[in-house]
C-alpha cells in the first residue's frame, strides 16, 4: 500500500508547494499521553499513527487494508498467520521483525493505570509466536474473525521498548521510536507536538520536513488561527462557523458522518449512595434510581434529540438510536432515535417509584467533543423540565477521563468512536461487564452489567459467518438499548475539517487527522 506524505507551512508566508517546510495543524483536544498503549482516546491514537504503525489499518471509510503486515490468512478455525512487510525499519535503524510484535502484544494488557485499555483488542490472542523474522502465528481459544480488525488499534513497538519503557518514557520522547513516516521531535504537554520526516520510511518518502500539531481547544481561537495563516489545517470546525467558512475563498471544508456516538452513561453498578444523586431538596439519596431501566428509559424519552442536532449542533449531527449509524456493520434497523416524550418520561418515573423525580449532576468534558458542554446544558434543561432537576459540571477532558475512570460520577456525557468500524467495538467497550482479565468493558464507567448481553457479545465475537455475526450484533444492540437502556444514545457527530485553499483531505469516519493524508490540490 502506498502513502503520499505531505506537510505544509506554519505561517501564511510559507509556500504550499512541494518542498515547503511545515504543515501546522490545529488540534481540538489536547493529547493526554504519547504512550500508544496507555489511553484509548482518538486524539492520542491519531497522533500515534504518525510515529507508530499497526499490522493492519483502515482507510478513510474504515475498510481494512495492509499495514506492517502485507497479508494474513487463517490456517484453521483458531490459527492466523501474518506475513510481515520486509524492509521496514525502526527510527533508530534496527530491522522490524516478528519478535517486535510478540513483545508488543505482551505489553498491551500490562500498562499500569490505563484510563481506557487497549487490551480489548488483544484479549482474543492466547499465543503469539514468531516463526521467522517476517512470519507471525496467532492462536485463539475460539474462532475469532475480528482479529485483523482489532489489531488496527495496536501500535507496534520495538522489542526493547515494549519490554522496558514506561508511559513517562514516551511522554518525554525517550521511547518514541516507531516505523512510521514521522519521527518524534518535541512534546510540550497541552501545547504542541512536533514531528519530523522519516527519510528512511519503507513507503514513499515524506514530501515535507516537519509537522507541527498545535493544541487549540478554544474553537474561536482555532478558526482565527486558520484565517490568520498561523495554522494551515484545523479539525473540529465549530458548527457556528461552518456557513461563514464555506463562503470564504481562502478556505476549503470537508466533512463526513463519523463513527462517533455521543451518549449518556449511568452509574448502574452501585445499589446505594451513588455520588451526586439527590432528592428534590438536594439531600443525598440512599437508593440509586439509575439502576432501574425504567428510570434510564425515562431519561432517554426526556431528551429532544432533533432539537440538539438542529440547534445546538446546527445541523452537524444525526440523532442516534443505537451505537453506530445504520451504514456500519452489525447495526439494527429497529432502533430509531427515541422520540421526545416528556410526558412518557414522567409516567415511567412514577412507575419506578419516583413521581416527584430526583436530582442529578451531569458531568461532561468541555474540550473533547463538538459543543460538548452546550449539549450537556441542553440535556440538563430537558431533564429538569421532565421532573429531574439536573446540574452540569464541565471540566477539561484530561480531568474528566481521570475522574470518570475512578467512578467518581453517577451520570456523564461522553463519546465513543468505533475504531474497528463495527458494532462490537462500543458493545464490548461501553456495555460489556467490566472485566480486566478479559479486556471487556474498558470504558464502562457506569459498570452496567447484564449476563444475557455479555453472552450475545461473546457469541458474536466468535461467529465466523459475517451475516450471522451481523445479526447477533444487531440483536445485542437491541437488547442493550431498547430492552435494558444500558446507555442513552444522543447523536452521531458530523466531522468537519478546514484548511487553506490549495490543500485537500479525505474526511475520515474515524475522525483522525492525518498529516500524511493531506494533499495539494482538490
Protein backbone atom coordinates (compact mmCIF):
# COMPACT_ATOMS: atom_id res chain seq x y z
CA UNK A 1 0.00 0.00 0.00
CA UNK A 2 1.20 3.47 -0.69
CA UNK A 3 1.23 6.68 1.26
CA UNK A 4 1.76 10.14 -0.13
CA UNK A 5 3.02 12.23 2.74
CA UNK A 6 2.54 15.95 2.66
CA UNK A 7 3.47 18.60 5.16
CA UNK A 8 2.68 22.30 4.76
CA UNK A 9 3.72 25.63 6.27
CA UNK A 10 3.49 27.20 9.71
CA UNK A 11 2.73 30.71 8.52
CA UNK A 12 0.79 32.29 5.69
CA UNK A 13 4.01 33.36 4.02
CA UNK A 14 5.23 29.78 3.56
CA UNK A 15 4.51 28.16 0.22
CA UNK A 16 2.09 25.26 -0.06
CA UNK A 17 4.01 23.81 -2.99
CA UNK A 18 6.08 20.64 -2.75
CA UNK A 19 9.23 21.19 -0.74
CA UNK A 20 7.72 23.62 1.76
CA UNK A 21 8.94 23.31 5.34
CA UNK A 22 5.99 22.66 7.63
CA UNK A 23 2.37 21.75 7.96
CA UNK A 24 0.85 23.28 11.07
CA UNK A 25 -2.33 21.57 12.25
CA UNK A 26 -4.69 22.94 14.91
CA UNK A 27 -5.98 20.11 17.09
CA UNK A 28 -9.19 20.50 19.05
CA UNK A 29 -8.26 18.31 22.02
CA UNK A 30 -5.01 18.03 23.95
CA UNK A 31 -3.06 14.78 23.77
CA UNK A 32 -3.26 13.07 27.16
CA UNK A 33 -0.32 10.71 26.55
CA UNK A 34 2.17 9.76 23.85
CA UNK A 35 2.26 6.17 25.10
CA UNK A 36 0.35 4.40 22.29
CA UNK A 37 -0.96 1.76 24.72
CA UNK A 38 -1.94 3.96 27.68
CA UNK A 39 -5.22 5.74 26.87
CA UNK A 40 -7.51 4.61 24.06
CA UNK A 41 -8.56 8.11 23.03
CA UNK A 42 -8.98 9.40 19.47
CA UNK A 43 -6.56 12.37 19.77
CA UNK A 44 -3.88 10.09 21.20
CA UNK A 45 -4.43 7.39 18.57
CA UNK A 46 -4.46 9.89 15.72
CA UNK A 47 -1.11 11.34 16.76
CA UNK A 48 0.40 7.91 17.46
CA UNK A 49 -0.27 6.67 13.93
CA UNK A 50 2.21 9.21 12.55
CA UNK A 51 5.07 7.65 14.51
CA UNK A 52 3.95 4.07 15.09
CA UNK A 53 2.24 1.66 12.73
CA UNK A 54 -0.11 -1.29 13.05
CA UNK A 55 -0.20 -4.64 11.30
CA UNK A 56 -3.46 -3.72 9.58
CA UNK A 57 -5.10 -0.35 9.22
CA UNK A 58 -8.30 1.31 7.99
CA UNK A 59 -8.78 3.70 5.10
CA UNK A 60 -10.97 6.80 5.42
CA UNK A 61 -14.14 4.68 5.10
CA UNK A 62 -12.81 2.14 7.63
CA UNK A 63 -12.13 -0.55 5.07
CA UNK A 64 -9.36 -2.91 6.13
CA UNK A 65 -6.03 -2.55 4.27
CA UNK A 66 -2.47 -3.81 4.87
CA UNK A 67 -0.05 -2.05 7.19
CA UNK A 68 3.09 -3.63 8.63
CA UNK A 69 1.52 -6.93 7.60
CA UNK A 70 1.37 -7.45 3.86
CA UNK A 71 -1.09 -10.34 4.06
CA UNK A 72 -2.90 -12.62 6.50
CA UNK A 73 -4.87 -15.85 6.39
CA UNK A 74 -6.49 -18.45 8.63
CA UNK A 75 -4.84 -21.85 8.85
CA UNK A 76 -7.73 -23.30 10.82
CA UNK A 77 -10.60 -22.01 12.97
CA UNK A 78 -8.28 -20.74 15.72
CA UNK A 79 -4.98 -20.07 13.93
CA UNK A 80 -3.96 -16.97 11.97
CA UNK A 81 -0.78 -16.43 10.01
CA UNK A 82 0.51 -12.96 9.12
CA UNK A 83 3.26 -12.20 6.63
CA UNK A 84 5.13 -9.06 7.66
CA UNK A 85 6.50 -6.31 5.49
CA UNK A 86 10.16 -6.72 4.61
CA UNK A 87 12.33 -3.63 4.56
CA UNK A 88 10.53 -1.74 7.34
CA UNK A 89 12.95 -0.30 9.89
CA UNK A 90 12.66 1.40 13.22
CA UNK A 91 13.60 5.05 13.50
CA UNK A 92 16.89 4.03 15.13
CA UNK A 93 17.78 1.94 12.07
CA UNK A 94 17.04 -1.51 13.51
CA UNK A 95 15.09 -4.02 11.42
CA UNK A 96 11.38 -4.55 12.14
CA UNK A 97 10.71 -8.24 12.88
CA UNK A 98 8.03 -10.56 14.20
CA UNK A 99 9.69 -10.58 17.64
CA UNK A 100 8.77 -6.90 17.99
CA UNK A 101 5.10 -7.76 17.50
CA UNK A 102 5.20 -10.57 20.06
CA UNK A 103 6.77 -8.25 22.66
CA UNK A 104 4.23 -5.52 21.90
CA UNK A 105 1.28 -7.84 22.43
CA UNK A 106 2.65 -8.84 25.82
CA UNK A 107 2.92 -5.18 26.88
CA UNK A 108 -0.57 -4.00 25.94
CA UNK A 109 -2.58 -5.50 28.85
CA UNK A 110 0.13 -4.69 31.40
CA UNK A 111 0.26 -0.89 31.06
CA UNK A 112 -0.49 0.42 34.56
CA UNK A 113 -3.23 2.93 35.39
CA UNK A 114 -4.68 2.95 31.89
CA UNK A 115 -7.92 5.03 31.79
CA UNK A 116 -9.12 3.02 28.77
CA UNK A 117 -7.05 -0.05 28.00
CA UNK A 118 -6.15 -1.41 24.58
CA UNK A 119 -6.32 -4.94 26.00
CA UNK A 120 -9.78 -5.24 24.49
CA UNK A 121 -8.04 -5.58 21.10
CA UNK A 122 -5.55 -8.26 22.18
CA UNK A 123 -7.60 -10.41 24.58
CA UNK A 124 -8.50 -12.96 21.89
CA UNK A 125 -4.84 -13.76 21.17
CA UNK A 126 -3.83 -16.55 23.52
CA UNK A 127 -0.49 -17.26 21.87
CA UNK A 128 1.69 -15.23 19.52
CA UNK A 129 4.82 -16.76 18.03
CA UNK A 130 7.44 -15.66 15.55
CA UNK A 131 8.05 -18.44 13.02
CA UNK A 132 10.77 -16.39 11.37
CA UNK A 133 11.62 -12.69 11.02
CA UNK A 134 8.63 -11.97 8.84
CA UNK A 135 6.05 -14.61 9.76
CA UNK A 136 3.72 -14.45 12.75
CA UNK A 137 1.30 -17.04 14.01
CA UNK A 138 -1.58 -16.21 16.36
CA UNK A 139 -3.70 -18.74 18.21
CA UNK A 140 -7.06 -18.05 19.80
CA UNK A 141 -9.11 -20.20 22.17
CA UNK A 142 -12.16 -19.86 19.95
CA UNK A 143 -12.79 -18.78 16.38
CA UNK A 144 -12.23 -15.02 16.27
CA UNK A 145 -12.96 -13.47 12.86
CA UNK A 146 -12.43 -9.89 14.05
CA UNK A 147 -8.74 -10.32 14.84
CA UNK A 148 -7.49 -8.44 11.73
CA UNK A 149 -9.92 -5.61 12.56
CA UNK A 150 -8.91 -5.45 16.20
CA UNK A 151 -5.21 -5.11 15.55
CA UNK A 152 -5.73 -1.91 13.58
CA UNK A 153 -5.68 -0.40 17.09
CA UNK A 154 -2.46 -2.00 18.34
CA UNK A 155 0.59 0.16 17.62
CA UNK A 156 3.74 -1.93 17.27
CA UNK A 157 6.87 -1.09 19.28
CA UNK A 158 10.48 -2.29 19.08
CA UNK A 159 11.04 -5.25 21.37
CA UNK A 160 13.47 -3.35 23.59
CA UNK A 161 10.94 -0.54 24.06
CA UNK A 162 7.98 -2.86 24.60
CA UNK A 163 9.85 -4.77 27.29
CA UNK A 164 11.26 -1.82 29.22
CA UNK A 165 9.59 1.52 28.51
CA UNK A 166 7.18 3.20 30.89
CA UNK A 167 4.48 5.68 29.95
CA UNK A 168 6.64 8.60 31.10
CA UNK A 169 9.37 7.47 28.69
CA UNK A 170 7.01 8.07 25.78
CA UNK A 171 5.84 11.43 27.10
CA UNK A 172 9.46 12.56 27.40
CA UNK A 173 10.20 11.35 23.88
CA UNK A 174 12.75 8.78 25.01
CA UNK A 175 10.67 5.80 23.85
CA UNK A 176 9.13 7.40 20.75
CA UNK A 177 10.69 5.00 18.23
CA UNK A 178 8.38 3.66 15.55
CA UNK A 179 8.39 2.62 11.90
CA UNK A 180 6.06 5.39 10.74
CA UNK A 181 6.61 8.20 8.24
CA UNK A 182 7.41 10.68 11.02
CA UNK A 183 9.92 10.75 13.86
CA UNK A 184 9.42 12.42 17.21
CA UNK A 185 10.99 15.85 17.73
CA UNK A 186 9.25 17.71 20.56
CA UNK A 187 6.37 17.46 23.02
CA UNK A 188 5.17 20.30 25.23
CA UNK A 189 2.27 18.92 27.24
CA UNK A 190 -1.01 20.64 26.44
CA UNK A 191 0.61 22.86 23.81
CA UNK A 192 2.26 21.10 20.88
CA UNK A 193 3.82 18.01 19.37
CA UNK A 194 6.41 18.38 16.62
CA UNK A 195 7.35 15.57 14.24
CA UNK A 196 9.98 15.42 11.51
CA UNK A 197 10.07 13.30 8.38
CA UNK A 198 11.48 9.79 8.44
CA UNK A 199 13.65 9.81 5.34
CA UNK A 200 14.19 6.04 5.66
CA UNK A 201 10.49 5.21 5.71
CA UNK A 202 9.65 1.95 3.93
CA UNK A 203 6.91 3.63 1.90
CA UNK A 204 7.00 6.75 -0.27
CA UNK A 205 9.20 9.30 1.46
CA UNK A 206 7.63 12.24 3.27
CA UNK A 207 7.47 15.22 0.94
CA UNK A 208 7.58 17.77 3.78
CA UNK A 209 10.10 18.09 6.53
CA UNK A 210 8.03 18.91 9.62
CA UNK A 211 4.55 18.60 11.09
CA UNK A 212 3.63 20.83 14.00
CA UNK A 213 0.47 19.88 15.89
CA UNK A 214 -0.80 22.79 17.97
CA UNK A 215 -3.41 22.04 20.61
CA UNK A 216 -6.03 24.76 20.38
CA UNK A 217 -9.03 23.74 22.44
CA UNK A 218 -10.84 27.05 22.07
CA UNK A 219 -12.95 26.83 18.92
CA UNK A 220 -12.86 30.54 18.11
CA UNK A 221 -9.09 30.63 18.53
CA UNK A 222 -8.72 27.62 16.23
CA UNK A 223 -10.71 29.30 13.44
CA UNK A 224 -8.84 32.56 13.96
CA UNK A 225 -5.53 30.73 13.65
CA UNK A 226 -6.65 29.21 10.33
CA UNK A 227 -7.81 32.53 8.90
CA UNK A 228 -4.64 34.28 10.06
CA UNK A 229 -2.43 31.62 8.49
CA UNK A 230 -0.92 30.56 11.81
CA UNK A 231 -2.12 27.04 11.04
CA UNK A 232 -2.95 25.51 7.69
CA UNK A 233 -5.48 22.95 8.80
CA UNK A 234 -7.87 22.57 11.71
CA UNK A 235 -10.09 19.75 12.90
CA UNK A 236 -13.50 20.06 14.56
CA UNK A 237 -14.56 23.21 12.77
CA UNK A 238 -17.11 24.88 15.08
CA UNK A 239 -20.63 24.34 13.84
CA UNK A 240 -21.45 28.05 14.11
CA UNK A 241 -18.58 28.95 11.76
CA UNK A 242 -19.25 26.42 9.01
CA UNK A 243 -21.66 28.61 6.94
CA UNK A 244 -19.24 31.55 7.06
CA UNK A 245 -16.15 29.49 6.24
CA UNK A 246 -17.94 27.70 3.41
CA UNK A 247 -18.22 31.07 1.65
CA UNK A 248 -14.63 32.11 2.33
CA UNK A 249 -12.49 31.78 -0.80
CA UNK A 250 -9.40 31.24 1.35
CA UNK A 251 -10.74 28.08 2.97
CA UNK A 252 -11.70 24.54 1.94
CA UNK A 253 -14.03 22.46 4.11
CA UNK A 254 -14.57 18.69 4.06
CA UNK A 255 -16.94 16.69 6.25
CA UNK A 256 -18.31 13.20 6.88
CA UNK A 257 -20.70 11.43 9.22
CA UNK A 258 -18.45 9.89 11.84
CA UNK A 259 -18.41 6.65 13.77
CA UNK A 260 -18.60 8.66 16.99
CA UNK A 261 -21.69 8.43 19.15
CA UNK A 262 -22.31 10.99 21.87
CA UNK A 263 -24.08 9.22 24.71
CA UNK A 264 -25.13 9.41 28.36
CA UNK A 265 -23.80 6.85 30.80
CA UNK A 266 -25.29 5.98 34.19
CA UNK A 267 -23.96 4.60 37.43
CA UNK A 268 -25.91 1.35 37.34
CA UNK A 269 -23.40 -0.55 39.43
CA UNK A 270 -23.84 0.93 42.92
CA UNK A 271 -27.01 -0.03 44.73
CA UNK A 272 -26.74 2.77 47.27
CA UNK A 273 -25.15 6.18 47.74
CA UNK A 274 -24.37 6.94 44.14
CA UNK A 275 -22.50 10.27 44.09
CA UNK A 276 -24.38 13.40 43.05
CA UNK A 277 -27.80 11.69 43.17
CA UNK A 278 -30.16 13.61 45.47
CA UNK A 279 -33.79 14.10 46.31
CA UNK A 280 -35.58 17.22 45.05
CA UNK A 281 -34.32 19.19 48.07
CA UNK A 282 -30.70 18.34 47.30
CA UNK A 283 -30.23 15.78 50.05
CA UNK A 284 -28.17 12.69 49.07
CA UNK A 285 -30.43 9.83 48.02
CA UNK A 286 -29.52 6.49 49.58
CA UNK A 287 -31.12 4.30 46.93
CA UNK A 288 -29.66 4.63 43.43
CA UNK A 289 -32.56 5.22 40.98
CA UNK A 290 -30.25 4.88 37.97
CA UNK A 291 -30.16 1.11 38.43
CA UNK A 292 -33.81 0.93 37.31
CA UNK A 293 -34.18 0.51 33.49
CA UNK A 294 -37.45 2.46 33.68
CA UNK A 295 -35.60 5.47 35.05
CA UNK A 296 -32.94 5.21 32.35
CA UNK A 297 -35.67 4.91 29.70
CA UNK A 298 -37.40 7.96 31.18
CA UNK A 299 -34.19 9.96 30.80
CA UNK A 300 -33.98 8.86 27.17
CA UNK A 301 -37.56 9.94 26.48
CA UNK A 302 -36.97 13.32 28.11
CA UNK A 303 -34.32 14.35 25.56
CA UNK A 304 -35.21 16.14 22.33
CA UNK A 305 -32.51 14.83 20.00
CA UNK A 306 -33.83 16.67 16.98
CA UNK A 307 -33.53 19.96 18.82
CA UNK A 308 -29.96 19.18 19.89
CA UNK A 309 -28.97 18.19 16.34
CA UNK A 310 -30.59 21.19 14.67
CA UNK A 311 -29.97 23.92 17.25
CA UNK A 312 -27.02 23.03 19.45
CA UNK A 313 -25.16 21.17 16.68
CA UNK A 314 -26.53 23.47 13.93
CA UNK A 315 -27.22 20.54 11.63
CA UNK A 316 -23.80 18.93 12.12
CA UNK A 317 -25.13 15.82 13.86
CA UNK A 318 -27.60 12.99 13.31
CA UNK A 319 -29.96 11.93 16.12
CA UNK A 320 -28.93 8.48 17.38
CA UNK A 321 -30.97 5.46 18.39
CA UNK A 322 -28.12 2.98 18.66
CA UNK A 323 -24.34 2.74 18.92
CA UNK A 324 -23.42 3.42 15.29
CA UNK A 325 -25.19 4.84 12.21
CA UNK A 326 -27.08 2.18 10.23
CA UNK A 327 -24.47 2.15 7.43
CA UNK A 328 -21.96 0.43 9.73
CA UNK A 329 -21.67 -3.33 10.21
CA UNK A 330 -23.75 -5.00 12.91
CA UNK A 331 -26.33 -2.26 13.39
CA UNK A 332 -30.08 -2.72 13.71
CA UNK A 333 -32.85 -1.31 11.55
CA UNK A 334 -35.20 -1.50 14.53
CA UNK A 335 -33.59 1.17 16.68
CA UNK A 336 -34.75 4.59 15.53
CA UNK A 337 -33.87 7.56 17.74
CA UNK A 338 -36.12 7.75 20.80
CA UNK A 339 -38.91 10.27 20.25
CA UNK A 340 -39.10 13.27 22.54
CA UNK A 341 -41.79 12.35 25.07
CA UNK A 342 -41.54 14.24 28.38
CA UNK A 343 -44.98 13.05 29.47
CA UNK A 344 -43.98 9.45 28.86
CA UNK A 345 -40.82 10.13 30.86
CA UNK A 346 -42.86 11.32 33.85
CA UNK A 347 -45.06 8.23 33.68
CA UNK A 348 -42.04 5.93 33.73
CA UNK A 349 -40.57 7.82 36.68
CA UNK A 350 -43.83 7.36 38.57
CA UNK A 351 -43.91 3.64 37.74
CA UNK A 352 -40.36 3.33 39.08
CA UNK A 353 -41.39 4.95 42.35
CA UNK A 354 -40.17 8.49 41.69
CA UNK A 355 -43.34 10.50 40.91
CA UNK A 356 -41.64 13.63 42.25
CA UNK A 357 -38.37 12.92 40.46
CA UNK A 358 -34.91 13.32 41.99
CA UNK A 359 -31.78 15.40 41.40
CA UNK A 360 -28.72 14.69 39.25
CA UNK A 361 -25.43 16.26 38.25
CA UNK A 362 -24.33 15.64 34.67
CA UNK A 363 -20.55 15.60 34.32
CA UNK A 364 -19.05 16.40 30.93
CA UNK A 365 -15.80 17.37 29.27
CA UNK A 366 -15.71 20.89 27.87
CA UNK A 367 -12.98 20.48 25.28
CA UNK A 368 -13.31 16.98 23.86
CA UNK A 369 -16.43 16.68 21.68
CA UNK A 370 -18.16 19.13 19.38
CA UNK A 371 -20.18 21.50 21.59
CA UNK A 372 -19.90 19.04 24.48
CA UNK A 373 -20.70 21.47 27.31
CA UNK A 374 -23.56 23.04 25.33
CA UNK A 375 -25.05 19.60 24.72
CA UNK A 376 -24.82 18.79 28.43
CA UNK A 377 -26.58 22.04 29.31
CA UNK A 378 -29.38 21.24 26.85
CA UNK A 379 -29.76 17.71 28.27
CA UNK A 380 -29.93 19.16 31.78
CA UNK A 381 -32.71 21.53 30.73
CA UNK A 382 -34.74 18.74 29.14
CA UNK A 383 -34.39 16.54 32.23
CA UNK A 384 -35.28 19.39 34.58
CA UNK A 385 -38.47 20.01 32.61
CA UNK A 386 -39.34 16.31 32.92
CA UNK A 387 -39.01 16.37 36.69
CA UNK A 388 -35.34 15.50 37.19
CA UNK A 389 -33.58 18.72 38.25
CA UNK A 390 -30.10 18.42 36.73
CA UNK A 391 -26.96 20.45 37.22
CA UNK A 392 -23.96 20.43 34.89
CA UNK A 393 -20.33 20.23 35.93
CA UNK A 394 -17.93 20.65 33.00
CA UNK A 395 -14.16 20.18 33.06
CA UNK A 396 -11.17 19.64 30.76
CA UNK A 397 -11.07 16.21 29.17
CA UNK A 398 -7.92 15.10 30.98
CA UNK A 399 -9.62 15.71 34.34
CA UNK A 400 -12.91 14.24 33.15
CA UNK A 401 -11.48 10.93 31.96
CA UNK A 402 -9.31 10.53 35.03
CA UNK A 403 -12.19 11.11 37.41
CA UNK A 404 -14.65 9.12 35.31
CA UNK A 405 -12.35 6.11 35.26
CA UNK A 406 -12.24 6.25 39.05
CA UNK A 407 -16.07 6.04 39.04
CA UNK A 408 -16.47 9.44 40.69
CA UNK A 409 -19.59 10.29 38.64
CA UNK A 410 -23.11 8.94 38.59
CA UNK A 411 -24.23 10.50 35.29
CA UNK A 412 -21.92 11.56 32.49
CA UNK A 413 -21.79 12.65 28.86
CA UNK A 414 -19.10 11.06 26.72
CA UNK A 415 -18.39 9.85 23.19
CA UNK A 416 -17.09 6.69 21.57
CA UNK A 417 -15.57 6.20 18.14
CA UNK A 418 -15.71 2.63 16.84
CA UNK A 419 -12.07 2.03 15.93
CA UNK A 420 -12.89 -1.26 14.21
CA UNK A 421 -15.79 0.21 12.23
CA UNK A 422 -18.42 -2.19 13.55
CA UNK A 423 -20.80 -2.54 16.47
CA UNK A 424 -18.81 -4.93 18.63
CA UNK A 425 -16.45 -2.06 19.45
CA UNK A 426 -18.89 0.05 21.51
CA UNK A 427 -20.76 -3.02 22.77
CA UNK A 428 -17.75 -4.63 24.38
CA UNK A 429 -16.15 -1.36 25.49
CA UNK A 430 -19.14 0.51 26.90
CA UNK A 431 -21.73 -2.14 27.81
CA UNK A 432 -19.99 -5.43 28.43
CA UNK A 433 -19.42 -6.26 32.09
CA UNK A 434 -16.19 -4.69 33.31
CA UNK A 435 -13.54 -7.42 33.36
CA UNK A 436 -9.87 -6.50 33.18
CA UNK A 437 -8.81 -10.12 32.78
CA UNK A 438 -10.94 -10.47 29.65
CA UNK A 439 -10.28 -6.94 28.44
CA UNK A 440 -14.01 -6.21 28.40
CA UNK A 441 -15.89 -3.09 29.49
CA UNK A 442 -12.76 -0.98 29.46
CA UNK A 443 -14.73 2.26 29.09
CA UNK A 444 -17.79 1.07 31.01
CA UNK A 445 -17.66 3.93 33.51
CA UNK A 446 -21.18 3.16 34.72
CA UNK A 447 -20.39 -0.50 35.45
CA UNK A 448 -23.51 -1.61 33.58
CA UNK A 449 -23.74 -5.40 33.59
CA UNK A 450 -26.11 -7.96 32.10
CA UNK A 451 -25.25 -11.64 31.67
CA UNK A 452 -27.56 -12.06 28.68
CA UNK A 453 -25.96 -9.18 26.83
CA UNK A 454 -22.47 -10.47 27.65
CA UNK A 455 -23.43 -13.83 26.15
CA UNK A 456 -24.62 -12.22 22.92
CA UNK A 457 -21.44 -10.18 22.60
CA UNK A 458 -19.29 -13.24 23.25
CA UNK A 459 -21.20 -15.26 20.66
CA UNK A 460 -20.85 -12.52 18.06
CA UNK A 461 -17.11 -12.26 18.61
CA UNK A 462 -16.65 -15.96 17.86
CA UNK A 463 -19.07 -16.26 14.92
CA UNK A 464 -17.16 -16.63 11.66
CA UNK A 465 -20.06 -16.15 9.24
CA UNK A 466 -20.35 -12.39 8.61
CA UNK A 467 -24.10 -12.43 8.05
CA UNK A 468 -24.78 -14.33 11.25
CA UNK A 469 -22.36 -12.19 13.22
CA UNK A 470 -24.06 -9.03 11.97
CA UNK A 471 -27.46 -10.30 13.07
CA UNK A 472 -26.16 -11.23 16.52
CA UNK A 473 -24.58 -7.80 16.96
CA UNK A 474 -27.86 -6.17 15.92
CA UNK A 475 -29.72 -8.29 18.47
CA UNK A 476 -27.20 -7.33 21.13
CA UNK A 477 -27.72 -3.65 20.31
CA UNK A 478 -31.49 -4.06 20.58
CA UNK A 479 -31.14 -5.73 23.95
CA UNK A 480 -28.68 -3.15 25.24
CA UNK A 481 -30.70 -0.11 24.13
CA UNK A 482 -34.37 -0.98 23.63
CA UNK A 483 -34.70 -3.50 26.46
CA UNK A 484 -32.11 -2.52 29.06
CA UNK A 485 -31.24 1.09 28.21
CA UNK A 486 -27.66 0.48 29.31
CA UNK A 487 -26.80 3.94 27.99
CA UNK A 488 -28.65 6.70 26.17
CA UNK A 489 -27.56 7.45 22.57
CA UNK A 490 -27.86 11.16 21.78
CA UNK A 491 -26.35 11.77 18.33
CA UNK A 492 -23.61 10.91 15.85
CA UNK A 493 -21.14 13.69 15.16
CA UNK A 494 -20.58 15.03 11.66
CA UNK A 495 -16.87 15.87 11.49
CA UNK A 496 -15.58 18.87 9.55
CA UNK A 497 -12.02 19.86 8.74
CA UNK A 498 -10.97 23.27 7.45
CA UNK A 499 -7.79 24.02 5.53
CA UNK A 500 -6.19 26.69 3.46
CA UNK A 501 -7.16 26.76 -0.19
CA UNK A 502 -4.76 24.59 -2.11
CA UNK A 503 -4.84 21.72 0.38
CA UNK A 504 -7.27 18.80 0.38
CA UNK A 505 -8.13 15.99 2.76
CA UNK A 506 -10.43 12.98 2.60
CA UNK A 507 -12.81 13.31 5.54
CA UNK A 508 -12.47 10.25 7.75
CA UNK A 509 -15.28 8.38 9.52
CA UNK A 510 -12.89 7.68 12.42
CA UNK A 511 -12.26 11.45 12.90
CA UNK A 512 -8.50 11.02 12.68
CA UNK A 513 -6.42 13.94 11.45
CA UNK A 514 -3.50 12.53 9.47
CA UNK A 515 -0.82 14.81 8.07
CA UNK A 516 0.22 12.02 5.70
CA UNK A 517 -3.18 12.15 4.01
CA UNK A 518 -3.11 15.88 3.34
CA UNK A 519 -2.71 16.64 -0.34
CA UNK A 520 -2.10 19.67 -2.50
CA UNK A 521 -4.86 20.45 -4.99
CA UNK A 522 -8.53 19.39 -4.93
